[in-house]
Amino acid sequence: MITAIVFVSADVARIPEVAEEIAALDGVSEVYSVTGQIDLIALIRVSEHEQVAAVVADRLNKVDGVRSTETHIAFRTHSRHDLEAAFSLGLD
């Protein structure tokens, strides 16, 4: 599974609508409204790199109100869940 993190700058008056439209796109697993220099963070989860381009360049960037995006491809996942599994003794 390929995960891409997309920073989205959106028209301020349309942030909620833009977030909903992005969240409805195939390949988008989550959309967060955030503080700071960007307005939204979208998590893309797809099986092939070409699909990242299809989601971001072909669909997400064309949502009315999206001003710009910056895409980051994740190459390793670190989470509490992963650490617990790595150090588990297999005892419940």
PDB file of N, CA and C in Angstrom:
ATOM      1  N   MET A   1       0.843  -1.175   0.000  1.00  0.00           N
ATOM      2  CA  MET A   1       0.000   0.000   0.000  1.00  0.00           C
ATOM      3  C   MET A   1       0.890   1.241   0.000  1.00  0.00           C
ATOM      4  N   ILE A   2       0.586   2.174  -0.860  1.00  0.00           N
ATOM      5  CA  ILE A   2       1.316   3.430  -0.963  1.00  0.00           C
ATOM      6  C   ILE A   2       0.495   4.505  -0.269  1.00  0.00           C
ATOM      7  N   THR A   3       1.155   5.254   0.600  1.00  0.00           N
ATOM      8  CA  THR A   3       0.498   6.355   1.294  1.00  0.00           C
ATOM      9  C   THR A   3       1.123   7.656   0.842  1.00  0.00           C
ATOM     10  N   ALA A   4       0.285   8.603   0.457  1.00  0.00           N
ATOM     11  CA  ALA A   4       0.737   9.951   0.123  1.00  0.00           C
ATOM     12  C   ALA A   4       0.029  10.921   1.050  1.00  0.00           C
ATOM     13  N   ILE A   5       0.771  11.910   1.511  1.00  0.00           N
ATOM     14  CA  ILE A   5       0.219  12.963   2.353  1.00  0.00           C
ATOM     15  C   ILE A   5       0.190  14.219   1.495  1.00  0.00           C
ATOM     16  N   VAL A   6      -0.999  14.784   1.341  1.00  0.00           N
ATOM     17  CA  VAL A   6      -1.152  15.942   0.458  1.00  0.00           C
ATOM     18  C   VAL A   6      -1.546  17.159   1.286  1.00  0.00           C
ATOM     19  N   PHE A   7      -0.698  18.194   1.254  1.00  0.00           N
ATOM     20  CA  PHE A   7      -1.009  19.468   1.881  1.00  0.00           C
ATOM     21  C   PHE A   7      -1.817  20.277   0.874  1.00  0.00           C
ATOM     22  N   VAL A   8      -2.948  20.783   1.306  1.00  0.00           N
ATOM     23  CA  VAL A   8      -3.855  21.494   0.403  1.00  0.00           C
ATOM     24  C   VAL A   8      -4.082  22.916   0.901  1.00  0.00           C
ATOM     25  N   SER A   9      -3.849  23.888   0.036  1.00  0.00           N
ATOM     26  CA  SER A   9      -4.262  25.269   0.293  1.00  0.00           C
ATOM     27  C   SER A   9      -5.561  25.472  -0.464  1.00  0.00           C
ATOM     28  N   ALA A  10      -6.556  26.031   0.232  1.00  0.00           N
ATOM     29  CA  ALA A  10      -7.880  26.175  -0.369  1.00  0.00           C
ATOM     30  C   ALA A  10      -8.405  27.588  -0.174  1.00  0.00           C
ATOM     31  N   ASP A  11      -9.387  27.942  -0.995  1.00  0.00           N
ATOM     32  CA  ASP A  11     -10.082  29.213  -0.796  1.00  0.00           C
ATOM     33  C   ASP A  11     -10.727  29.186   0.585  1.00  0.00           C
ATOM     34  N   VAL A  12     -10.448  30.190   1.396  1.00  0.00           N
ATOM     35  CA  VAL A  12     -10.900  30.213   2.786  1.00  0.00           C
ATOM     36  C   VAL A  12     -12.414  30.048   2.906  1.00  0.00           C
ATOM     37  N   ALA A  13     -13.158  30.646   2.022  1.00  0.00           N
ATOM     38  CA  ALA A  13     -14.618  30.587   2.100  1.00  0.00           C
ATOM     39  C   ALA A  13     -15.171  29.208   1.758  1.00  0.00           C
ATOM     40  N   ARG A  14     -14.343  28.339   1.168  1.00  0.00           N
ATOM     41  CA  ARG A  14     -14.822  27.022   0.733  1.00  0.00           C
ATOM     42  C   ARG A  14     -14.131  25.847   1.422  1.00  0.00           C
ATOM     43  N   ILE A  15     -13.398  26.086   2.491  1.00  0.00           N
ATOM     44  CA  ILE A  15     -12.636  25.002   3.122  1.00  0.00           C
ATOM     45  C   ILE A  15     -13.519  23.806   3.488  1.00  0.00           C
ATOM     46  N   PRO A  16     -14.663  23.988   4.146  1.00  0.00           N
ATOM     47  CA  PRO A  16     -15.475  22.800   4.480  1.00  0.00           C
ATOM     48  C   PRO A  16     -15.956  22.034   3.244  1.00  0.00           C
ATOM     49  N   GLU A  17     -16.369  22.756   2.214  1.00  0.00           N
ATOM     50  CA  GLU A  17     -16.847  22.111   0.985  1.00  0.00           C
ATOM     51  C   GLU A  17     -15.703  21.397   0.256  1.00  0.00           C
ATOM     52  N   VAL A  18     -14.546  22.042   0.219  1.00  0.00           N
ATOM     53  CA  VAL A  18     -13.389  21.437  -0.423  1.00  0.00           C
ATOM     54  C   VAL A  18     -13.005  20.155   0.313  1.00  0.00           C
ATOM     55  N   ALA A  19     -12.992  20.203   1.636  1.00  0.00           N
ATOM     56  CA  ALA A  19     -12.652  19.023   2.428  1.00  0.00           C
ATOM     57  C   ALA A  19     -13.615  17.874   2.148  1.00  0.00           C
ATOM     58  N   GLU A  20     -14.906  18.158   2.085  1.00  0.00           N
ATOM     59  CA  GLU A  20     -15.905  17.116   1.819  1.00  0.00           C
ATOM     60  C   GLU A  20     -15.741  16.524   0.421  1.00  0.00           C
ATOM     61  N   GLU A  21     -15.489  17.381  -0.557  1.00  0.00           N
ATOM     62  CA  GLU A  21     -15.314  16.891  -1.932  1.00  0.00           C
ATOM     63  C   GLU A  21     -14.056  16.037  -2.056  1.00  0.00           C
ATOM     64  N   ILE A  22     -12.987  16.446  -1.400  1.00  0.00           N
ATOM     65  CA  ILE A  22     -11.757  15.655  -1.438  1.00  0.00           C
ATOM     66  C   ILE A  22     -11.980  14.324  -0.732  1.00  0.00           C
ATOM     67  N   ALA A  23     -12.634  14.342   0.417  1.00  0.00           N
ATOM     68  CA  ALA A  23     -12.878  13.112   1.183  1.00  0.00           C
ATOM     69  C   ALA A  23     -13.704  12.101   0.392  1.00  0.00           C
ATOM     70  N   ALA A  24     -14.517  12.568  -0.532  1.00  0.00           N
ATOM     71  CA  ALA A  24     -15.372  11.685  -1.332  1.00  0.00           C
ATOM     72  C   ALA A  24     -14.633  11.029  -2.499  1.00  0.00           C
ATOM     73  N   LEU A  25     -13.402  11.461  -2.784  1.00  0.00           N
ATOM     74  CA  LEU A  25     -12.655  10.908  -3.908  1.00  0.00           C
ATOM     75  C   LEU A  25     -12.151   9.504  -3.601  1.00  0.00           C
ATOM     76  N   ASP A  26     -12.231   8.610  -4.590  1.00  0.00           N
ATOM     77  CA  ASP A  26     -11.656   7.277  -4.446  1.00  0.00           C
ATOM     78  C   ASP A  26     -10.154   7.400  -4.216  1.00  0.00           C
ATOM     79  N   GLY A  27      -9.640   6.679  -3.244  1.00  0.00           N
ATOM     80  CA  GLY A  27      -8.226   6.717  -2.919  1.00  0.00           C
ATOM     81  C   GLY A  27      -7.896   7.625  -1.753  1.00  0.00           C
ATOM     82  N   VAL A  28      -8.830   8.495  -1.382  1.00  0.00           N
ATOM     83  CA  VAL A  28      -8.621   9.386  -0.237  1.00  0.00           C
ATOM     84  C   VAL A  28      -9.196   8.704   0.997  1.00  0.00           C
ATOM     85  N   SER A  29      -8.337   8.477   2.004  1.00  0.00           N
ATOM     86  CA  SER A  29      -8.818   7.796   3.201  1.00  0.00           C
ATOM     87  C   SER A  29      -9.252   8.764   4.291  1.00  0.00           C
ATOM     88  N   GLU A  30      -8.599   9.925   4.369  1.00  0.00           N
ATOM     89  CA  GLU A  30      -8.915  10.893   5.414  1.00  0.00           C
ATOM     90  C   GLU A  30      -8.566  12.292   4.940  1.00  0.00           C
ATOM     91  N   VAL A  31      -9.297  13.270   5.473  1.00  0.00           N
ATOM     92  CA  VAL A  31      -8.975  14.672   5.228  1.00  0.00           C
ATOM     93  C   VAL A  31      -9.068  15.398   6.560  1.00  0.00           C
ATOM     94  N   TYR A  32      -8.023  16.145   6.883  1.00  0.00           N
ATOM     95  CA  TYR A  32      -7.984  16.893   8.134  1.00  0.00           C
ATOM     96  C   TYR A  32      -7.950  18.381   7.846  1.00  0.00           C
ATOM     97  N   SER A  33      -8.753  19.154   8.561  1.00  0.00           N
ATOM     98  CA  SER A  33      -8.658  20.602   8.549  1.00  0.00           C
ATOM     99  C   SER A  33      -7.635  20.961   9.622  1.00  0.00           C
ATOM    100  N   VAL A  34      -6.637  21.760   9.262  1.00  0.00           N
ATOM    101  CA  VAL A  34      -5.523  22.006  10.171  1.00  0.00           C
ATOM    102  C   VAL A  34      -5.217  23.501  10.292  1.00  0.00           C
ATOM    103  N   THR A  35      -4.416  23.837  11.299  1.00  0.00           N
ATOM    104  CA  THR A  35      -3.944  25.202  11.457  1.00  0.00           C
ATOM    105  C   THR A  35      -2.578  25.326  10.788  1.00  0.00           C
ATOM    106  N   GLY A  36      -2.154  26.545  10.559  1.00  0.00           N
ATOM    107  CA  GLY A  36      -0.828  26.769   9.994  1.00  0.00           C
ATOM    108  C   GLY A  36      -0.879  27.299   8.579  1.00  0.00           C
ATOM    109  N   GLN A  37       0.169  27.028   7.834  1.00  0.00           N
ATOM    110  CA  GLN A  37       0.325  27.566   6.488  1.00  0.00           C
ATOM    111  C   GLN A  37      -0.590  26.915   5.461  1.00  0.00           C
ATOM    112  N   ILE A  38      -1.082  25.723   5.762  1.00  0.00           N
ATOM    113  CA  ILE A  38      -1.974  25.023   4.841  1.00  0.00           C
ATOM    114  C   ILE A  38      -3.346  24.883   5.487  1.00  0.00           C
ATOM    115  N   ASP A  39      -4.339  24.536   4.693  1.00  0.00           N
ATOM    116  CA  ASP A  39      -5.705  24.460   5.193  1.00  0.00           C
ATOM    117  C   ASP A  39      -6.169  23.035   5.472  1.00  0.00           C
ATOM    118  N   LEU A  40      -5.730  22.095   4.631  1.00  0.00           N
ATOM    119  CA  LEU A  40      -6.176  20.712   4.741  1.00  0.00           C
ATOM    120  C   LEU A  40      -5.007  19.767   4.533  1.00  0.00           C
ATOM    121  N   ILE A  41      -5.100  18.592   5.146  1.00  0.00           N
ATOM    122  CA  ILE A  41      -4.170  17.501   4.866  1.00  0.00           C
ATOM    123  C   ILE A  41      -5.011  16.311   4.451  1.00  0.00           C
ATOM    124  N   ALA A  42      -4.724  15.774   3.269  1.00  0.00           N
ATOM    125  CA  ALA A  42      -5.433  14.597   2.765  1.00  0.00           C
ATOM    126  C   ALA A  42      -4.481  13.409   2.760  1.00  0.00           C
ATOM    127  N   LEU A  43      -4.956  12.274   3.239  1.00  0.00           N
ATOM    128  CA  LEU A  43      -4.189  11.039   3.181  1.00  0.00           C
ATOM    129  C   LEU A  43      -4.708  10.200   2.031  1.00  0.00           C
ATOM    130  N   ILE A  44      -3.804   9.855   1.142  1.00  0.00           N
ATOM    131  CA  ILE A  44      -4.129   9.052  -0.034  1.00  0.00           C
ATOM    132  C   ILE A  44      -3.544   7.665   0.200  1.00  0.00           C
ATOM    133  N   ARG A  45      -4.349   6.636   0.026  1.00  0.00           N
ATOM    134  CA  ARG A  45      -3.859   5.264   0.161  1.00  0.00           C
ATOM    135  C   ARG A  45      -4.287   4.485  -1.076  1.00  0.00           C
ATOM    136  N   VAL A  46      -3.285   4.085  -1.862  1.00  0.00           N
ATOM    137  CA  VAL A  46      -3.530   3.379  -3.117  1.00  0.00           C
ATOM    138  C   VAL A  46      -2.511   2.253  -3.266  1.00  0.00           C
ATOM    139  N   SER A  47      -2.731   1.381  -4.241  1.00  0.00           N
ATOM    140  CA  SER A  47      -1.842   0.234  -4.400  1.00  0.00           C
ATOM    141  C   SER A  47      -0.682   0.477  -5.366  1.00  0.00           C
ATOM    142  N   GLU A  48      -0.766   1.489  -6.232  1.00  0.00           N
ATOM    143  CA  GLU A  48       0.290   1.739  -7.217  1.00  0.00           C
ATOM    144  C   GLU A  48       0.605   3.228  -7.303  1.00  0.00           C
ATOM    145  N   HIS A  49       1.857   3.546  -7.621  1.00  0.00           N
ATOM    146  CA  HIS A  49       2.267   4.949  -7.719  1.00  0.00           C
ATOM    147  C   HIS A  49       1.456   5.720  -8.755  1.00  0.00           C
ATOM    148  N   GLU A  50       1.128   5.076  -9.852  1.00  0.00           N
ATOM    149  CA  GLU A  50       0.346   5.753 -10.894  1.00  0.00           C
ATOM    150  C   GLU A  50      -0.999   6.238 -10.350  1.00  0.00           C
ATOM    151  N   GLN A  51      -1.529   5.521  -9.368  1.00  0.00           N
ATOM    152  CA  GLN A  51      -2.807   5.905  -8.785  1.00  0.00           C
ATOM    153  C   GLN A  51      -2.682   7.185  -7.963  1.00  0.00           C
ATOM    154  N   VAL A  52      -1.509   7.444  -7.395  1.00  0.00           N
ATOM    155  CA  VAL A  52      -1.298   8.699  -6.672  1.00  0.00           C
ATOM    156  C   VAL A  52      -1.488   9.857  -7.640  1.00  0.00           C
ATOM    157  N   ALA A  53      -0.890   9.745  -8.807  1.00  0.00           N
ATOM    158  CA  ALA A  53      -1.042  10.796  -9.820  1.00  0.00           C
ATOM    159  C   ALA A  53      -2.491  10.938 -10.242  1.00  0.00           C
ATOM    160  N   ALA A  54      -3.185   9.814 -10.397  1.00  0.00           N
ATOM    161  CA  ALA A  54      -4.592   9.874 -10.808  1.00  0.00           C
ATOM    162  C   ALA A  54      -5.438  10.581  -9.758  1.00  0.00           C
ATOM    163  N   VAL A  55      -5.185  10.280  -8.494  1.00  0.00           N
ATOM    164  CA  VAL A  55      -5.981  10.905  -7.427  1.00  0.00           C
ATOM    165  C   VAL A  55      -5.631  12.379  -7.287  1.00  0.00           C
ATOM    166  N   VAL A  56      -4.341  12.683  -7.184  1.00  0.00           N
ATOM    167  CA  VAL A  56      -3.928  14.061  -6.897  1.00  0.00           C
ATOM    168  C   VAL A  56      -4.025  14.953  -8.130  1.00  0.00           C
ATOM    169  N   ALA A  57      -3.326  14.592  -9.185  1.00  0.00           N
ATOM    170  CA  ALA A  57      -3.261  15.466 -10.360  1.00  0.00           C
ATOM    171  C   ALA A  57      -4.557  15.480 -11.162  1.00  0.00           C
ATOM    172  N   ASP A  58      -5.194  14.327 -11.285  1.00  0.00           N
ATOM    173  CA  ASP A  58      -6.375  14.248 -12.145  1.00  0.00           C
ATOM    174  C   ASP A  58      -7.686  14.618 -11.444  1.00  0.00           C
ATOM    175  N   ARG A  59      -7.742  14.451 -10.109  1.00  0.00           N
ATOM    176  CA  ARG A  59      -9.017  14.707  -9.438  1.00  0.00           C
ATOM    177  C   ARG A  59      -8.926  15.736  -8.309  1.00  0.00           C
ATOM    178  N   LEU A  60      -8.049  15.523  -7.337  1.00  0.00           N
ATOM    179  CA  LEU A  60      -7.982  16.408  -6.179  1.00  0.00           C
ATOM    180  C   LEU A  60      -7.670  17.841  -6.596  1.00  0.00           C
ATOM    181  N   ASN A  61      -6.670  18.021  -7.457  1.00  0.00           N
ATOM    182  CA  ASN A  61      -6.292  19.372  -7.895  1.00  0.00           C
ATOM    183  C   ASN A  61      -7.401  20.091  -8.655  1.00  0.00           C
ATOM    184  N   LYS A  62      -8.371  19.341  -9.145  1.00  0.00           N
ATOM    185  CA  LYS A  62      -9.446  19.940  -9.929  1.00  0.00           C
ATOM    186  C   LYS A  62     -10.693  20.250  -9.111  1.00  0.00           C
ATOM    187  N   VAL A  63     -10.653  19.975  -7.805  1.00  0.00           N
ATOM    188  CA  VAL A  63     -11.776  20.319  -6.935  1.00  0.00           C
ATOM    189  C   VAL A  63     -11.865  21.837  -6.862  1.00  0.00           C
ATOM    190  N   ASP A  64     -13.067  22.363  -7.078  1.00  0.00           N
ATOM    191  CA  ASP A  64     -13.280  23.808  -7.031  1.00  0.00           C
ATOM    192  C   ASP A  64     -12.913  24.339  -5.655  1.00  0.00           C
ATOM    193  N   GLY A  65     -11.981  25.283  -5.612  1.00  0.00           N
ATOM    194  CA  GLY A  65     -11.549  25.869  -4.348  1.00  0.00           C
ATOM    195  C   GLY A  65     -10.154  25.441  -3.937  1.00  0.00           C
ATOM    196  N   VAL A  66      -9.582  24.421  -4.586  1.00  0.00           N
ATOM    197  CA  VAL A  66      -8.199  24.027  -4.310  1.00  0.00           C
ATOM    198  C   VAL A  66      -7.287  25.028  -5.012  1.00  0.00           C
ATOM    199  N   ARG A  67      -6.441  25.675  -4.219  1.00  0.00           N
ATOM    200  CA  ARG A  67      -5.529  26.668  -4.787  1.00  0.00           C
ATOM    201  C   ARG A  67      -4.171  26.071  -5.127  1.00  0.00           C
ATOM    202  N   SER A  68      -3.675  25.200  -4.255  1.00  0.00           N
ATOM    203  CA  SER A  68      -2.390  24.543  -4.512  1.00  0.00           C
ATOM    204  C   SER A  68      -2.275  23.305  -3.636  1.00  0.00           C
ATOM    205  N   THR A  69      -1.365  22.401  -4.039  1.00  0.00           N
ATOM    206  CA  THR A  69      -1.111  21.191  -3.255  1.00  0.00           C
ATOM    207  C   THR A  69       0.385  20.933  -3.195  1.00  0.00           C
ATOM    208  N   GLU A  70       0.775  20.185  -2.182  1.00  0.00           N
ATOM    209  CA  GLU A  70       2.147  19.707  -2.037  1.00  0.00           C
ATOM    210  C   GLU A  70       2.034  18.259  -1.581  1.00  0.00           C
ATOM    211  N   THR A  71       2.587  17.342  -2.360  1.00  0.00           N
ATOM    212  CA  THR A  71       2.416  15.914  -2.102  1.00  0.00           C
ATOM    213  C   THR A  71       3.706  15.295  -1.584  1.00  0.00           C
ATOM    214  N   HIS A  72       3.568  14.486  -0.536  1.00  0.00           N
ATOM    215  CA  HIS A  72       4.688  13.754   0.068  1.00  0.00           C
ATOM    216  C   HIS A  72       4.348  12.275   0.041  1.00  0.00           C
ATOM    217  N   ILE A  73       5.266  11.452  -0.461  1.00  0.00           N
ATOM    218  CA  ILE A  73       5.077  10.006  -0.481  1.00  0.00           C
ATOM    219  C   ILE A  73       5.746   9.428   0.773  1.00  0.00           C
ATOM    220  N   ALA A  74       5.000   8.636   1.517  1.00  0.00           N
ATOM    221  CA  ALA A  74       5.544   7.994   2.718  1.00  0.00           C
ATOM    222  C   ALA A  74       6.296   6.734   2.309  1.00  0.00           C
ATOM    223  N   PHE A  75       7.482   6.532   2.879  1.00  0.00           N
ATOM    224  CA  PHE A  75       8.227   5.317   2.560  1.00  0.00           C
ATOM    225  C   PHE A  75       8.342   4.374   3.752  1.00  0.00           C
ATOM    226  N   ARG A  76       7.991   4.827   4.928  1.00  0.00           N
ATOM    227  CA  ARG A  76       7.998   3.964   6.112  1.00  0.00           C
ATOM    228  C   ARG A  76       6.959   4.490   7.084  1.00  0.00           C
ATOM    229  N   THR A  77       6.292   3.567   7.756  1.00  0.00           N
ATOM    230  CA  THR A  77       5.282   3.945   8.740  1.00  0.00           C
ATOM    231  C   THR A  77       5.806   3.670  10.137  1.00  0.00           C
ATOM    232  N   HIS A  78       5.635   4.646  11.006  1.00  0.00           N
ATOM    233  CA  HIS A  78       5.980   4.487  12.418  1.00  0.00           C
ATOM    234  C   HIS A  78       4.728   4.807  13.213  1.00  0.00           C
ATOM    235  N   SER A  79       4.292   3.863  14.017  1.00  0.00           N
ATOM    236  CA  SER A  79       3.116   4.124  14.843  1.00  0.00           C
ATOM    237  C   SER A  79       3.201   3.293  16.097  1.00  0.00           C
ATOM    238  N   ARG A  80       2.442   3.666  17.087  1.00  0.00           N
ATOM    239  CA  ARG A  80       2.395   2.930  18.346  1.00  0.00           C
ATOM    240  C   ARG A  80       1.976   1.482  18.082  1.00  0.00           C
ATOM    241  N   HIS A  81       1.005   1.306  17.187  1.00  0.00           N
ATOM    242  CA  HIS A  81       0.539  -0.036  16.852  1.00  0.00           C
ATOM    243  C   HIS A  81       1.673  -0.895  16.315  1.00  0.00           C
ATOM    244  N   ASP A  82       2.480  -0.348  15.417  1.00  0.00           N
ATOM    245  CA  ASP A  82       3.601  -1.091  14.839  1.00  0.00           C
ATOM    246  C   ASP A  82       4.639  -1.438  15.905  1.00  0.00           C
ATOM    247  N   LEU A  83       4.925  -0.506  16.804  1.00  0.00           N
ATOM    248  CA  LEU A  83       5.907  -0.763  17.852  1.00  0.00           C
ATOM    249  C   LEU A  83       5.425  -1.839  18.813  1.00  0.00           C
ATOM    250  N   GLU A  84       4.144  -1.813  19.156  1.00  0.00           N
ATOM    251  CA  GLU A  84       3.602  -2.840  20.041  1.00  0.00           C
ATOM    252  C   GLU A  84       3.707  -4.220  19.402  1.00  0.00           C
ATOM    253  N   ALA A  85       3.446  -4.307  18.113  1.00  0.00           N
ATOM    254  CA  ALA A  85       3.545  -5.597  17.412  1.00  0.00           C
ATOM    255  C   ALA A  85       4.995  -6.075  17.360  1.00  0.00           C
ATOM    256  N   ALA A  86       5.931  -5.171  17.163  1.00  0.00           N
ATOM    257  CA  ALA A  86       7.336  -5.542  17.060  1.00  0.00           C
ATOM    258  C   ALA A  86       7.884  -6.088  18.379  1.00  0.00           C
ATOM    259  N   PHE A  87       7.407  -5.576  19.501  1.00  0.00           N
ATOM    260  CA  PHE A  87       7.909  -5.984  20.795  1.00  0.00           C
ATOM    261  C   PHE A  87       6.997  -6.947  21.532  1.00  0.00           C
ATOM    262  N   SER A  88       5.962  -7.383  20.866  1.00  0.00           N
ATOM    263  CA  SER A  88       5.011  -8.303  21.486  1.00  0.00           C
ATOM    264  C   SER A  88       5.629  -9.675  21.650  1.00  0.00           C
ATOM    265  N   LEU A  89       5.296 -10.307  22.775  1.00  0.00           N
ATOM    266  CA  LEU A  89       5.733 -11.667  23.013  1.00  0.00           C
ATOM    267  C   LEU A  89       4.698 -12.672  22.529  1.00  0.00           C
ATOM    268  N   GLY A  90       3.604 -12.166  22.012  1.00  0.00           N
ATOM    269  CA  GLY A  90       2.549 -13.047  21.525  1.00  0.00           C
ATOM    270  C   GLY A  90       1.629 -13.529  22.622  1.00  0.00           C
ATOM    271  N   LEU A  91       1.739 -12.938  23.792  1.00  0.00           N
ATOM    272  CA  LEU A  91       0.883 -13.314  24.914  1.00  0.00           C
ATOM    273  C   LEU A  91      -0.299 -12.371  25.015  1.00  0.00           C
ATOM    274  N   ASP A  92      -1.480 -12.876  25.215  1.00  0.00           N
ATOM    275  CA  ASP A  92      -2.656 -12.024  25.374  1.00  0.00           C
ATOM    276  C   ASP A  92      -3.010 -11.862  26.834  1.00  0.00           C
TER     277      ASP A  92
END
